Amino acid sequence: MKKTTLETFKCMMCGHEYRENVEKGEDREWSCPECRSNSIRHLKRSDKEGEPPA
């Protein structure tokens, strides 16, 4: 069983931010759950655990 982490993503089309579980080394194409765009960026972790980056 692979280890998963909760990561934050942001859609570059509609600006929707969401969190999703990701397996280390996983290679998949992400899509926005709001507008279905595949222009998704992985956001870096914030200094404060549990808070999305500003």
PDB file of N, CA and C in Angstrom:
ATOM      1  N   MET A   1       0.843  -1.183   0.000  1.00  0.00           N
ATOM      2  CA  MET A   1       0.000   0.000   0.000  1.00  0.00           C
ATOM      3  C   MET A   1       0.889   1.248   0.000  1.00  0.00           C
ATOM      4  N   LYS A   2       0.635   2.131  -0.934  1.00  0.00           N
ATOM      5  CA  LYS A   2       1.440   3.343  -1.044  1.00  0.00           C
ATOM      6  C   LYS A   2       0.940   4.417  -0.092  1.00  0.00           C
ATOM      7  N   LYS A   3       1.878   5.252   0.357  1.00  0.00           N
ATOM      8  CA  LYS A   3       1.552   6.349   1.264  1.00  0.00           C
ATOM      9  C   LYS A   3       0.945   7.501   0.461  1.00  0.00           C
ATOM     10  N   THR A   4      -0.125   8.095   0.986  1.00  0.00           N
ATOM     11  CA  THR A   4      -0.754   9.234   0.330  1.00  0.00           C
ATOM     12  C   THR A   4      -0.639  10.460   1.215  1.00  0.00           C
ATOM     13  N   THR A   5      -0.607  11.624   0.579  1.00  0.00           N
ATOM     14  CA  THR A   5      -0.599  12.886   1.302  1.00  0.00           C
ATOM     15  C   THR A   5      -1.698  13.778   0.738  1.00  0.00           C
ATOM     16  N   LEU A   6      -2.234  14.647   1.572  1.00  0.00           N
ATOM     17  CA  LEU A   6      -3.267  15.576   1.146  1.00  0.00           C
ATOM     18  C   LEU A   6      -2.574  16.819   0.594  1.00  0.00           C
ATOM     19  N   GLU A   7      -2.740  17.080  -0.688  1.00  0.00           N
ATOM     20  CA  GLU A   7      -2.067  18.193  -1.359  1.00  0.00           C
ATOM     21  C   GLU A   7      -3.093  19.199  -1.880  1.00  0.00           C
ATOM     22  N   THR A   8      -2.655  20.443  -2.067  1.00  0.00           N
ATOM     23  CA  THR A   8      -3.522  21.517  -2.547  1.00  0.00           C
ATOM     24  C   THR A   8      -3.228  21.820  -4.010  1.00  0.00           C
ATOM     25  N   PHE A   9      -4.303  21.988  -4.786  1.00  0.00           N
ATOM     26  CA  PHE A   9      -4.205  22.293  -6.204  1.00  0.00           C
ATOM     27  C   PHE A   9      -5.035  23.524  -6.509  1.00  0.00           C
ATOM     28  N   LYS A  10      -4.671  24.239  -7.588  1.00  0.00           N
ATOM     29  CA  LYS A  10      -5.428  25.414  -8.012  1.00  0.00           C
ATOM     30  C   LYS A  10      -5.646  25.360  -9.516  1.00  0.00           C
ATOM     31  N   CYS A  11      -6.869  25.638  -9.919  1.00  0.00           N
ATOM     32  CA  CYS A  11      -7.214  25.689 -11.340  1.00  0.00           C
ATOM     33  C   CYS A  11      -6.820  27.055 -11.892  1.00  0.00           C
ATOM     34  N   MET A  12      -6.096  27.079 -12.989  1.00  0.00           N
ATOM     35  CA  MET A  12      -5.660  28.334 -13.589  1.00  0.00           C
ATOM     36  C   MET A  12      -6.764  28.979 -14.437  1.00  0.00           C
ATOM     37  N   MET A  13      -7.817  28.234 -14.756  1.00  0.00           N
ATOM     38  CA  MET A  13      -8.922  28.787 -15.545  1.00  0.00           C
ATOM     39  C   MET A  13      -9.955  29.507 -14.663  1.00  0.00           C
ATOM     40  N   CYS A  14     -10.440  28.814 -13.623  1.00  0.00           N
ATOM     41  CA  CYS A  14     -11.509  29.402 -12.806  1.00  0.00           C
ATOM     42  C   CYS A  14     -11.044  29.840 -11.421  1.00  0.00           C
ATOM     43  N   GLY A  15      -9.811  29.473 -11.019  1.00  0.00           N
ATOM     44  CA  GLY A  15      -9.265  29.890  -9.737  1.00  0.00           C
ATOM     45  C   GLY A  15      -9.670  29.017  -8.556  1.00  0.00           C
ATOM     46  N   HIS A  16     -10.403  27.948  -8.814  1.00  0.00           N
ATOM     47  CA  HIS A  16     -10.854  27.047  -7.740  1.00  0.00           C
ATOM     48  C   HIS A  16      -9.658  26.355  -7.094  1.00  0.00           C
ATOM     49  N   GLU A  17      -9.586  26.398  -5.749  1.00  0.00           N
ATOM     50  CA  GLU A  17      -8.549  25.680  -5.011  1.00  0.00           C
ATOM     51  C   GLU A  17      -9.198  24.490  -4.339  1.00  0.00           C
ATOM     52  N   TYR A  18      -8.531  23.353  -4.387  1.00  0.00           N
ATOM     53  CA  TYR A  18      -9.065  22.153  -3.757  1.00  0.00           C
ATOM     54  C   TYR A  18      -7.934  21.262  -3.288  1.00  0.00           C
ATOM     55  N   ARG A  19      -8.271  20.351  -2.383  1.00  0.00           N
ATOM     56  CA  ARG A  19      -7.278  19.431  -1.832  1.00  0.00           C
ATOM     57  C   ARG A  19      -7.656  18.016  -2.240  1.00  0.00           C
ATOM     58  N   GLU A  20      -6.630  17.230  -2.514  1.00  0.00           N
ATOM     59  CA  GLU A  20      -6.857  15.858  -2.934  1.00  0.00           C
ATOM     60  C   GLU A  20      -5.701  14.981  -2.474  1.00  0.00           C
ATOM     61  N   ASN A  21      -6.006  13.719  -2.181  1.00  0.00           N
ATOM     62  CA  ASN A  21      -4.968  12.770  -1.791  1.00  0.00           C
ATOM     63  C   ASN A  21      -4.138  12.381  -3.001  1.00  0.00           C
ATOM     64  N   VAL A  22      -2.817  12.355  -2.810  1.00  0.00           N
ATOM     65  CA  VAL A  22      -1.885  12.050  -3.886  1.00  0.00           C
ATOM     66  C   VAL A  22      -0.903  10.980  -3.412  1.00  0.00           C
ATOM     67  N   GLU A  23      -0.653   9.977  -4.256  1.00  0.00           N
ATOM     68  CA  GLU A  23       0.366   8.975  -3.955  1.00  0.00           C
ATOM     69  C   GLU A  23       1.707   9.483  -4.449  1.00  0.00           C
ATOM     70  N   LYS A  24       2.751   9.270  -3.664  1.00  0.00           N
ATOM     71  CA  LYS A  24       4.089   9.692  -4.068  1.00  0.00           C
ATOM     72  C   LYS A  24       4.473   8.976  -5.361  1.00  0.00           C
ATOM     73  N   GLY A  25       4.977   9.726  -6.326  1.00  0.00           N
ATOM     74  CA  GLY A  25       5.403   9.163  -7.600  1.00  0.00           C
ATOM     75  C   GLY A  25       4.261   8.937  -8.585  1.00  0.00           C
ATOM     76  N   GLU A  26       3.047   9.302  -8.199  1.00  0.00           N
ATOM     77  CA  GLU A  26       1.887   9.108  -9.067  1.00  0.00           C
ATOM     78  C   GLU A  26       1.975  10.043 -10.273  1.00  0.00           C
ATOM     79  N   ASP A  27       1.721   9.509 -11.435  1.00  0.00           N
ATOM     80  CA  ASP A  27       1.756  10.300 -12.667  1.00  0.00           C
ATOM     81  C   ASP A  27       0.372  10.248 -13.307  1.00  0.00           C
ATOM     82  N   ARG A  28      -0.392  11.323 -13.109  1.00  0.00           N
ATOM     83  CA  ARG A  28      -1.719  11.378 -13.696  1.00  0.00           C
ATOM     84  C   ARG A  28      -2.062  12.803 -14.083  1.00  0.00           C
ATOM     85  N   GLU A  29      -3.005  12.944 -14.960  1.00  0.00           N
ATOM     86  CA  GLU A  29      -3.455  14.265 -15.378  1.00  0.00           C
ATOM     87  C   GLU A  29      -4.611  14.680 -14.475  1.00  0.00           C
ATOM     88  N   TRP A  30      -4.469  15.842 -13.847  1.00  0.00           N
ATOM     89  CA  TRP A  30      -5.484  16.350 -12.944  1.00  0.00           C
ATOM     90  C   TRP A  30      -6.476  17.212 -13.697  1.00  0.00           C
ATOM     91  N   SER A  31      -7.726  17.255 -13.223  1.00  0.00           N
ATOM     92  CA  SER A  31      -8.716  18.160 -13.807  1.00  0.00           C
ATOM     93  C   SER A  31      -9.500  18.819 -12.676  1.00  0.00           C
ATOM     94  N   CYS A  32      -9.916  20.040 -12.918  1.00  0.00           N
ATOM     95  CA  CYS A  32     -10.639  20.827 -11.933  1.00  0.00           C
ATOM     96  C   CYS A  32     -12.030  20.213 -11.697  1.00  0.00           C
ATOM     97  N   PRO A  33     -12.422  20.006 -10.437  1.00  0.00           N
ATOM     98  CA  PRO A  33     -13.753  19.461 -10.165  1.00  0.00           C
ATOM     99  C   PRO A  33     -14.881  20.455 -10.454  1.00  0.00           C
ATOM    100  N   GLU A  34     -14.541  21.747 -10.607  1.00  0.00           N
ATOM    101  CA  GLU A  34     -15.557  22.765 -10.883  1.00  0.00           C
ATOM    102  C   GLU A  34     -15.791  22.971 -12.380  1.00  0.00           C
ATOM    103  N   CYS A  35     -14.716  23.220 -13.142  1.00  0.00           N
ATOM    104  CA  CYS A  35     -14.875  23.556 -14.567  1.00  0.00           C
ATOM    105  C   CYS A  35     -14.316  22.488 -15.507  1.00  0.00           C
ATOM    106  N   ARG A  36     -13.678  21.460 -14.961  1.00  0.00           N
ATOM    107  CA  ARG A  36     -13.119  20.329 -15.713  1.00  0.00           C
ATOM    108  C   ARG A  36     -11.896  20.687 -16.547  1.00  0.00           C
ATOM    109  N   SER A  37     -11.321  21.859 -16.352  1.00  0.00           N
ATOM    110  CA  SER A  37     -10.097  22.246 -17.059  1.00  0.00           C
ATOM    111  C   SER A  37      -8.935  21.387 -16.576  1.00  0.00           C
ATOM    112  N   ASN A  38      -7.957  21.144 -17.457  1.00  0.00           N
ATOM    113  CA  ASN A  38      -6.766  20.401 -17.031  1.00  0.00           C
ATOM    114  C   ASN A  38      -5.584  21.339 -16.786  1.00  0.00           C
ATOM    115  N   SER A  39      -5.852  22.643 -16.663  1.00  0.00           N
ATOM    116  CA  SER A  39      -4.806  23.623 -16.337  1.00  0.00           C
ATOM    117  C   SER A  39      -4.711  23.745 -14.823  1.00  0.00           C
ATOM    118  N   ILE A  40      -4.115  22.737 -14.196  1.00  0.00           N
ATOM    119  CA  ILE A  40      -4.044  22.632 -12.747  1.00  0.00           C
ATOM    120  C   ILE A  40      -2.603  22.812 -12.291  1.00  0.00           C
ATOM    121  N   ARG A  41      -2.424  23.546 -11.207  1.00  0.00           N
ATOM    122  CA  ARG A  41      -1.094  23.729 -10.634  1.00  0.00           C
ATOM    123  C   ARG A  41      -1.095  23.212  -9.212  1.00  0.00           C
ATOM    124  N   HIS A  42      -0.037  22.521  -8.858  1.00  0.00           N
ATOM    125  CA  HIS A  42       0.155  22.026  -7.500  1.00  0.00           C
ATOM    126  C   HIS A  42       0.721  23.171  -6.676  1.00  0.00           C
ATOM    127  N   LEU A  43       0.067  23.521  -5.572  1.00  0.00           N
ATOM    128  CA  LEU A  43       0.535  24.610  -4.724  1.00  0.00           C
ATOM    129  C   LEU A  43       1.486  24.071  -3.671  1.00  0.00           C
ATOM    130  N   LYS A  44       2.505  24.836  -3.369  1.00  0.00           N
ATOM    131  CA  LYS A  44       3.466  24.465  -2.338  1.00  0.00           C
ATOM    132  C   LYS A  44       2.788  24.493  -0.981  1.00  0.00           C
ATOM    133  N   ARG A  45       3.288  23.702  -0.057  1.00  0.00           N
ATOM    134  CA  ARG A  45       2.737  23.683   1.295  1.00  0.00           C
ATOM    135  C   ARG A  45       3.017  24.998   1.998  1.00  0.00           C
ATOM    136  N   SER A  46       2.063  25.422   2.818  1.00  0.00           N
ATOM    137  CA  SER A  46       2.262  26.653   3.590  1.00  0.00           C
ATOM    138  C   SER A  46       3.076  26.337   4.841  1.00  0.00           C
ATOM    139  N   ASP A  47       3.551  27.377   5.493  1.00  0.00           N
ATOM    140  CA  ASP A  47       4.317  27.199   6.729  1.00  0.00           C
ATOM    141  C   ASP A  47       3.423  26.688   7.855  1.00  0.00           C
ATOM    142  N   LYS A  48       2.154  27.059   7.816  1.00  0.00           N
ATOM    143  CA  LYS A  48       1.209  26.645   8.842  1.00  0.00           C
ATOM    144  C   LYS A  48       0.496  25.379   8.348  1.00  0.00           C
ATOM    145  N   GLU A  49       0.655  24.287   9.070  1.00  0.00           N
ATOM    146  CA  GLU A  49       0.066  23.013   8.678  1.00  0.00           C
ATOM    147  C   GLU A  49      -1.461  23.114   8.643  1.00  0.00           C
ATOM    148  N   GLY A  50      -2.059  22.618   7.590  1.00  0.00           N
ATOM    149  CA  GLY A  50      -3.503  22.586   7.478  1.00  0.00           C
ATOM    150  C   GLY A  50      -4.113  23.806   6.829  1.00  0.00           C
ATOM    151  N   GLU A  51      -3.345  24.850   6.600  1.00  0.00           N
ATOM    152  CA  GLU A  51      -3.875  26.048   5.957  1.00  0.00           C
ATOM    153  C   GLU A  51      -3.393  26.109   4.528  1.00  0.00           C
ATOM    154  N   PRO A  52      -4.306  26.385   3.561  1.00  0.00           N
ATOM    155  CA  PRO A  52      -3.847  26.533   2.185  1.00  0.00           C
ATOM    156  C   PRO A  52      -3.000  27.786   2.038  1.00  0.00           C
ATOM    157  N   PRO A  53      -2.073  27.801   1.095  1.00  0.00           N
ATOM    158  CA  PRO A  53      -1.222  28.977   0.889  1.00  0.00           C
ATOM    159  C   PRO A  53      -2.028  30.201   0.512  1.00  0.00           C
ATOM    160  N   ALA A  54      -1.529  31.361   0.841  1.00  0.00           N
ATOM    161  CA  ALA A  54      -2.217  32.616   0.541  1.00  0.00           C
ATOM    162  C   ALA A  54      -2.126  32.954  -0.931  1.00  0.00           C
TER     163      ALA A  54
END
